[in-house]
Protein backbone atom coordinates (compact mmCIF):
# COMPACT_ATOMS: atom_id res chain seq x y z
CA MET A 1 110.68 -124.59 -212.49
CA ILE A 2 113.78 -122.54 -211.55
CA GLU A 3 112.70 -119.70 -213.76
CA ASP A 4 109.29 -119.68 -212.01
CA LEU A 5 111.18 -119.16 -208.71
CA TRP A 6 113.14 -116.28 -210.12
CA THR A 7 112.02 -112.84 -209.09
CA ALA A 8 111.96 -110.38 -211.96
CA GLY A 9 114.66 -107.77 -211.66
CA ALA A 10 116.68 -109.69 -209.02
CA SER A 11 120.25 -110.66 -209.68
CA GLN A 12 120.58 -113.32 -206.97
CA ARG A 13 118.29 -115.66 -205.08
CA GLU A 14 118.52 -118.78 -202.96
CA ILE A 15 116.34 -121.86 -203.34
CA ARG A 16 115.92 -125.18 -201.58
CA LEU A 17 115.45 -128.47 -203.43
CA GLY A 18 114.71 -131.95 -202.21
CA THR A 19 113.23 -133.26 -198.96
CA GLU A 20 114.63 -134.09 -195.52
CA PRO A 21 117.26 -135.32 -194.87
CA GLU A 22 118.58 -134.74 -198.39
CA ILE A 23 117.66 -131.04 -198.80
CA ARG A 24 120.19 -129.05 -200.75
CA TYR A 25 120.50 -125.32 -201.05
CA TYR A 26 121.39 -123.48 -204.22
CA GLN A 27 122.21 -119.88 -204.93
CA ILE A 28 120.95 -118.65 -208.29
CA GLU A 29 122.83 -115.99 -210.05
CA GLY A 30 121.16 -114.47 -213.11
CA SER A 31 121.90 -112.02 -215.79
CA SER A 32 120.27 -110.84 -218.96
CA LEU A 33 121.34 -112.15 -222.40
CA ASP A 34 121.21 -109.40 -224.99
CA ASN A 35 121.88 -109.44 -228.70
CA TRP A 36 124.13 -106.97 -230.52
CA ARG A 37 121.26 -104.49 -230.64
CA GLY A 38 120.82 -104.51 -226.86
CA THR A 39 117.55 -106.39 -227.01
CA GLN A 40 117.06 -109.04 -224.37
CA ILE A 41 116.83 -112.49 -225.93
CA GLY A 42 117.07 -114.64 -222.81
CA ARG A 43 118.38 -115.07 -219.33
CA LEU A 44 121.49 -116.85 -218.05
CA LEU A 45 120.96 -118.70 -214.77
CA ILE A 46 123.82 -120.27 -212.77
CA LEU A 47 123.16 -122.52 -209.81
CA ARG A 48 125.78 -122.76 -207.07
CA ASP A 49 125.45 -125.48 -204.47
CA VAL A 50 125.86 -123.75 -201.07
CA THR A 51 124.58 -126.62 -198.91
CA GLU A 52 127.83 -127.25 -197.11
CA ILE A 53 128.38 -123.51 -196.49
CA LYS A 54 124.94 -123.24 -194.87
CA ARG A 55 125.52 -126.36 -192.77
CA ALA A 56 128.88 -125.05 -191.62
CA GLY A 57 127.29 -121.72 -190.68
CA ALA A 58 124.56 -123.46 -188.72
CA GLN A 59 127.09 -125.60 -186.92
CA LEU A 60 129.18 -122.52 -186.06
CA LEU A 61 126.08 -120.72 -184.70
CA GLU A 62 125.23 -123.74 -182.51
CA GLN A 63 128.79 -123.81 -181.20
CA GLN A 64 128.57 -120.12 -180.36
CA ARG A 65 125.31 -120.72 -178.51
CA ALA A 66 126.85 -123.60 -176.54
CA LEU A 67 129.90 -121.52 -175.66
CA ALA A 68 127.75 -118.65 -174.55
CA MET A 69 125.71 -120.94 -172.30
CA LEU A 70 128.82 -122.50 -170.83
CA GLN A 71 130.29 -119.08 -170.05
CA GLU A 72 126.99 -118.09 -168.50
CA ARG A 73 126.98 -121.09 -166.22
CA GLU A 74 130.51 -120.28 -165.07
CA GLN A 75 129.53 -116.70 -164.41
CA LEU A 76 126.46 -117.72 -162.45
CA ALA A 77 128.54 -120.14 -160.36
CA ARG A 78 130.84 -117.25 -159.42
CA GLU A 79 127.88 -115.05 -158.51
CA LEU A 80 126.33 -117.82 -156.36
CA HIS A 81 129.60 -118.31 -154.58
CA ASP A 82 129.92 -114.59 -153.79
CA SER A 83 126.28 -114.24 -152.61
CA ILE A 84 124.45 -117.34 -151.35
CA GLY A 85 127.70 -119.05 -150.40
CA GLN A 86 128.80 -116.14 -148.22
CA VAL A 87 125.40 -115.84 -146.57
CA LEU A 88 125.36 -119.52 -145.65
CA GLY A 89 128.89 -119.28 -144.25
CA TYR A 90 127.83 -116.25 -142.21
CA ALA A 91 124.72 -118.13 -140.97
CA SER A 92 126.85 -121.08 -139.82
CA LEU A 93 129.06 -118.80 -137.76
CA LYS A 94 126.07 -117.02 -136.21
CA MET A 95 124.49 -120.32 -135.26
CA SER A 96 127.68 -121.54 -133.62
CA ALA A 97 127.98 -118.28 -131.66
CA ALA A 98 124.35 -118.45 -130.55
CA ARG A 99 124.77 -122.04 -129.30
CA LYS A 100 127.83 -121.06 -127.27
CA LEU A 101 126.05 -118.11 -125.77
CA MET A 102 123.10 -120.30 -124.81
CA GLU A 103 125.46 -122.82 -123.18
CA ASP A 104 126.94 -119.98 -121.17
CA GLY A 105 123.52 -118.79 -120.12
CA LYS A 106 123.73 -115.50 -122.03
CA LEU A 107 120.25 -115.84 -123.50
CA ALA A 108 119.75 -112.18 -124.43
CA LYS A 109 122.96 -112.10 -126.52
CA ALA A 110 122.04 -115.48 -128.02
CA ASP A 111 118.65 -114.08 -129.04
CA ASP A 112 120.37 -111.13 -130.65
CA GLN A 113 122.57 -113.47 -132.66
CA LEU A 114 119.51 -115.47 -133.70
CA ALA A 115 117.73 -112.30 -134.85
CA HIS A 116 120.69 -111.44 -137.11
CA LEU A 117 120.60 -115.00 -138.41
CA GLU A 118 116.89 -114.75 -139.19
CA SER A 119 117.40 -111.51 -141.16
CA SER A 120 120.29 -113.04 -143.11
CA LEU A 121 118.33 -116.17 -144.01
CA SER A 122 115.36 -114.12 -145.06
CA GLU A 123 117.59 -112.17 -147.47
CA ALA A 124 119.09 -115.42 -148.72
CA HIS A 125 115.60 -116.76 -149.37
CA ALA A 126 114.80 -113.71 -151.46
CA ASP A 127 118.03 -114.18 -153.38
CA VAL A 128 117.24 -117.83 -154.06
CA ARG A 129 113.82 -116.85 -155.43
CA GLU A 130 115.56 -114.32 -157.63
CA TYR A 131 118.06 -116.86 -158.98
CA ILE A 132 115.25 -119.30 -159.75
CA LEU A 133 113.40 -116.55 -161.64
CA ASN A 134 116.58 -115.66 -163.51
CA LEU A 135 117.14 -119.24 -164.62
CA ARG A 136 113.52 -119.85 -165.56
CA THR A 137 113.43 -116.81 -167.82
CA ALA A 138 116.91 -117.04 -169.32
CA PRO A 139 117.11 -115.86 -172.95
CA SER A 140 118.29 -118.10 -175.78
CA GLY A 141 118.78 -118.05 -179.50
CA GLU A 142 115.29 -119.49 -180.04
CA LYS A 143 113.35 -117.13 -177.77
CA PRO A 144 112.55 -113.54 -178.80
CA PHE A 145 114.50 -111.21 -176.55
CA PHE A 146 111.78 -108.73 -175.65
CA SER A 147 109.03 -111.29 -174.94
CA THR A 148 111.53 -113.14 -172.64
CA LEU A 149 112.31 -109.79 -171.00
CA ARG A 150 108.66 -109.02 -170.31
CA ASN A 151 108.09 -112.48 -168.87
CA TYR A 152 110.98 -111.91 -166.49
CA LEU A 153 109.75 -108.46 -165.46
CA ASP A 154 106.25 -109.86 -164.78
CA GLY A 155 107.81 -112.43 -162.43
CA PHE A 156 109.98 -109.76 -160.78
CA HIS A 157 106.95 -107.60 -160.11
CA GLN A 158 105.01 -110.50 -158.68
CA ASN A 159 107.92 -111.48 -156.36
CA TYR A 160 108.83 -108.06 -155.04
CA GLY A 161 106.05 -105.59 -155.96
CA ILE A 162 108.41 -103.28 -157.94
CA HIS A 163 106.90 -101.96 -161.14
CA VAL A 164 109.17 -101.92 -164.24
CA ASP A 165 108.36 -100.07 -167.45
CA VAL A 166 110.11 -100.85 -170.73
CA SER A 167 110.58 -98.42 -173.60
CA ILE A 168 112.07 -99.52 -176.93
CA GLY A 169 113.41 -97.07 -179.50
CA PRO A 170 112.15 -97.19 -183.09
CA ASP A 171 115.43 -98.56 -184.47
CA VAL A 172 115.74 -101.39 -181.95
CA ASN A 173 114.42 -104.85 -182.93
CA GLU A 174 115.26 -108.47 -182.51
CA ASP A 175 117.76 -108.41 -185.36
CA VAL A 176 120.25 -106.26 -183.40
CA PHE A 177 120.79 -108.90 -180.71
CA ALA A 178 123.34 -111.70 -181.12
CA VAL A 179 122.92 -114.74 -178.88
CA GLU A 180 125.68 -113.83 -176.43
CA MET A 181 124.50 -110.26 -176.45
CA LYS A 182 121.05 -111.32 -175.34
CA ILE A 183 122.44 -113.28 -172.43
CA GLN A 184 124.90 -110.69 -171.23
CA LEU A 185 122.55 -107.74 -171.43
CA PHE A 186 119.85 -109.75 -169.69
CA ARG A 187 122.24 -110.57 -166.82
CA VAL A 188 123.27 -106.93 -166.46
CA LEU A 189 119.56 -106.00 -166.28
CA GLN A 190 118.95 -108.70 -163.65
CA GLU A 191 121.90 -107.51 -161.52
CA SER A 192 120.71 -103.93 -161.76
CA LEU A 193 117.18 -104.89 -160.65
CA SER A 194 118.60 -106.97 -157.84
CA ASN A 195 120.54 -103.92 -156.60
CA ALA A 196 117.39 -101.81 -156.85
CA ARG A 197 115.47 -104.40 -154.80
CA LYS A 198 118.15 -104.78 -152.09
CA TYR A 199 119.53 -101.26 -151.68
CA ALA A 200 117.48 -98.56 -153.44
CA ALA A 201 114.17 -98.79 -151.53
CA THR A 202 112.44 -98.15 -154.87
CA ASN A 203 108.98 -99.02 -156.15
CA TYR A 204 109.61 -98.08 -159.83
CA VAL A 205 112.22 -98.82 -162.45
CA ASN A 206 112.41 -97.76 -166.10
CA VAL A 207 114.32 -99.83 -168.68
CA SER A 208 115.00 -98.28 -172.09
CA PHE A 209 116.68 -99.52 -175.30
CA GLU A 210 117.97 -97.16 -177.99
CA MET A 211 120.12 -97.47 -181.09
CA GLU A 212 122.68 -94.86 -182.09
CA GLU A 213 125.53 -95.18 -184.60
CA GLY A 214 125.52 -98.96 -184.65
CA ARG A 215 125.46 -99.29 -180.85
CA VAL A 216 122.65 -100.47 -178.58
CA ARG A 217 122.23 -98.52 -175.37
CA MET A 218 120.37 -100.02 -172.41
CA ARG A 219 119.50 -97.84 -169.44
CA ILE A 220 118.04 -99.01 -166.13
CA ARG A 221 116.81 -96.12 -163.93
CA ASP A 222 115.20 -96.39 -160.49
CA ASN A 223 113.61 -93.72 -158.33
CA GLY A 224 115.15 -95.00 -155.13
CA LYS A 225 117.30 -93.39 -152.47
CA GLY A 226 120.51 -93.44 -154.51
CA PHE A 227 124.03 -93.36 -153.05
CA ASP A 228 127.33 -91.52 -153.13
CA PRO A 229 129.46 -93.23 -155.88
CA LEU A 230 132.73 -92.03 -154.21
CA GLN A 231 131.80 -93.73 -150.92
CA ALA A 232 130.75 -96.84 -152.78
CA ALA A 233 134.08 -96.88 -154.66
CA GLY A 234 135.88 -96.57 -151.36
CA ALA A 235 134.07 -99.53 -150.01
CA GLY A 236 134.70 -101.65 -153.11
CA SER A 237 132.49 -102.20 -156.13
CA GLY A 238 131.57 -105.81 -155.23
CA HIS A 239 128.68 -104.55 -153.08
CA PHE A 240 126.72 -103.64 -156.24
CA GLY A 241 128.03 -106.40 -158.49
CA LEU A 242 129.70 -103.71 -160.65
CA SER A 243 132.66 -105.93 -161.48
CA PHE A 244 130.34 -108.66 -162.84
CA MET A 245 128.30 -106.18 -164.87
CA ARG A 246 131.35 -104.45 -166.24
CA GLU A 247 132.88 -107.79 -167.29
CA ARG A 248 129.69 -108.66 -169.15
CA ALA A 249 129.61 -105.35 -171.04
CA GLU A 250 133.29 -105.51 -171.92
CA SER A 251 132.97 -109.12 -173.15
CA LEU A 252 130.69 -107.69 -175.85
CA GLY A 253 133.12 -104.91 -176.76
CA GLY A 254 131.03 -102.36 -174.84
CA ASN A 255 131.18 -100.36 -171.66
CA LEU A 256 129.12 -99.76 -168.52
CA LYS A 257 128.54 -96.61 -166.51
CA MET A 258 126.68 -96.05 -163.25
CA GLN A 259 125.37 -92.70 -162.08
CA SER A 260 123.78 -92.00 -158.72
CA ALA A 261 123.42 -89.41 -155.95
CA PRO A 262 121.72 -89.49 -152.56
CA GLY A 263 117.95 -88.99 -153.02
CA GLU A 264 118.16 -88.99 -156.83
CA GLY A 265 117.98 -92.65 -157.74
CA THR A 266 120.45 -94.69 -159.75
CA CYS A 267 121.01 -95.15 -163.49
CA VAL A 268 122.99 -98.02 -165.04
CA GLU A 269 123.88 -97.54 -168.71
CA VAL A 270 125.34 -100.16 -171.01
CA GLU A 271 126.48 -99.55 -174.60
CA VAL A 272 127.46 -102.41 -176.86
CA PRO A 273 127.90 -102.88 -180.65
CA ALA A 274 124.78 -104.14 -182.40
CA LYS A 275 124.84 -107.53 -184.06
CA GLY A 276 127.09 -107.54 -187.09
CA LYS A 277 128.79 -104.27 -186.16
CA VAL A 278 132.53 -104.18 -185.74
CA GLU A 279 134.22 -101.73 -183.41
CA THR A 280 136.92 -99.55 -184.90
CA LYS A 281 139.65 -98.06 -182.65
C-alpha cells in the first residue's frame, strides 16, 4: 500500500493513515537500493511519525490567529475612542450649550449650535456605518484575502458611491499573506479609504498589490483634492490616522509612506515582508 502511494522519483512524501479522531501522519523517506554493479534491486522506505509535530504546528497557528484577533480588537477600541467617542463628547457639549442659549432667549445662537450638532452627528452616523462594514468584512485565516477585499469594496461603494479598482501583480497570490498580515493590511486600506471619503472629495480610488524582492507593496491612490503634507504634519498626524496606519505597518516589519499635494490626490504606500520572508538588517 505504501509503495502504491509513493511517487516515482520523489525522495520524500507525507501520508495520512487511520480515521478520525485517530488519524496519524507519516513522512516517508525513500532511497534506491543498488547492488555492487549499480543496478537497482529495490527501494528502502522509512516511515517517520510526524503526527505530534503537525498537531503542535496547528496549535501554534491557532494561537497566532487568536493573538492577532485580540490585538485587532484592542486597536479598534483605540480607534473608536479617538473617533466616535470624541464626536459624542463634542455633541454633549453642543447640546448643553444650545439648551443654555435657549433658556437665555438667544434662539438664533442656539439654532447655530444645533446646526453644528446635526452636522457632527451625521458624520458620526457615517463613521458607525463604516465600522459596521469593517467588522462584517474582516479578514481571517479561513477567508481568501482578495475575495474578502472585494466584498468590502462592494459595500464601501454602495455606502458612499466611491468607485474602487483593484489591480494585483502577477507574483501576488494568497500564499504571500500571513494571518496577521491580512488583518493589518486590511485595516490600513480601510483607514486610507476612510480618509478619502472624509477629506479628499474623491469619486475614484485605485488599490494595487505588487511583489518585489520578497516584499509586498500595497498602494492606495485617490484622485481627490490632496493636501500639503507639511501643513498636515504641523497640525498633527492624528487627523489622518497616520499613527495607527504606521503602527500597523511597523508591526509587520514594514513601513508606510504617504504622498500628496493640493489638487493632485493622495497616495498611501505600505511595504511589508511576504509570508515566510525574514528581514535582514
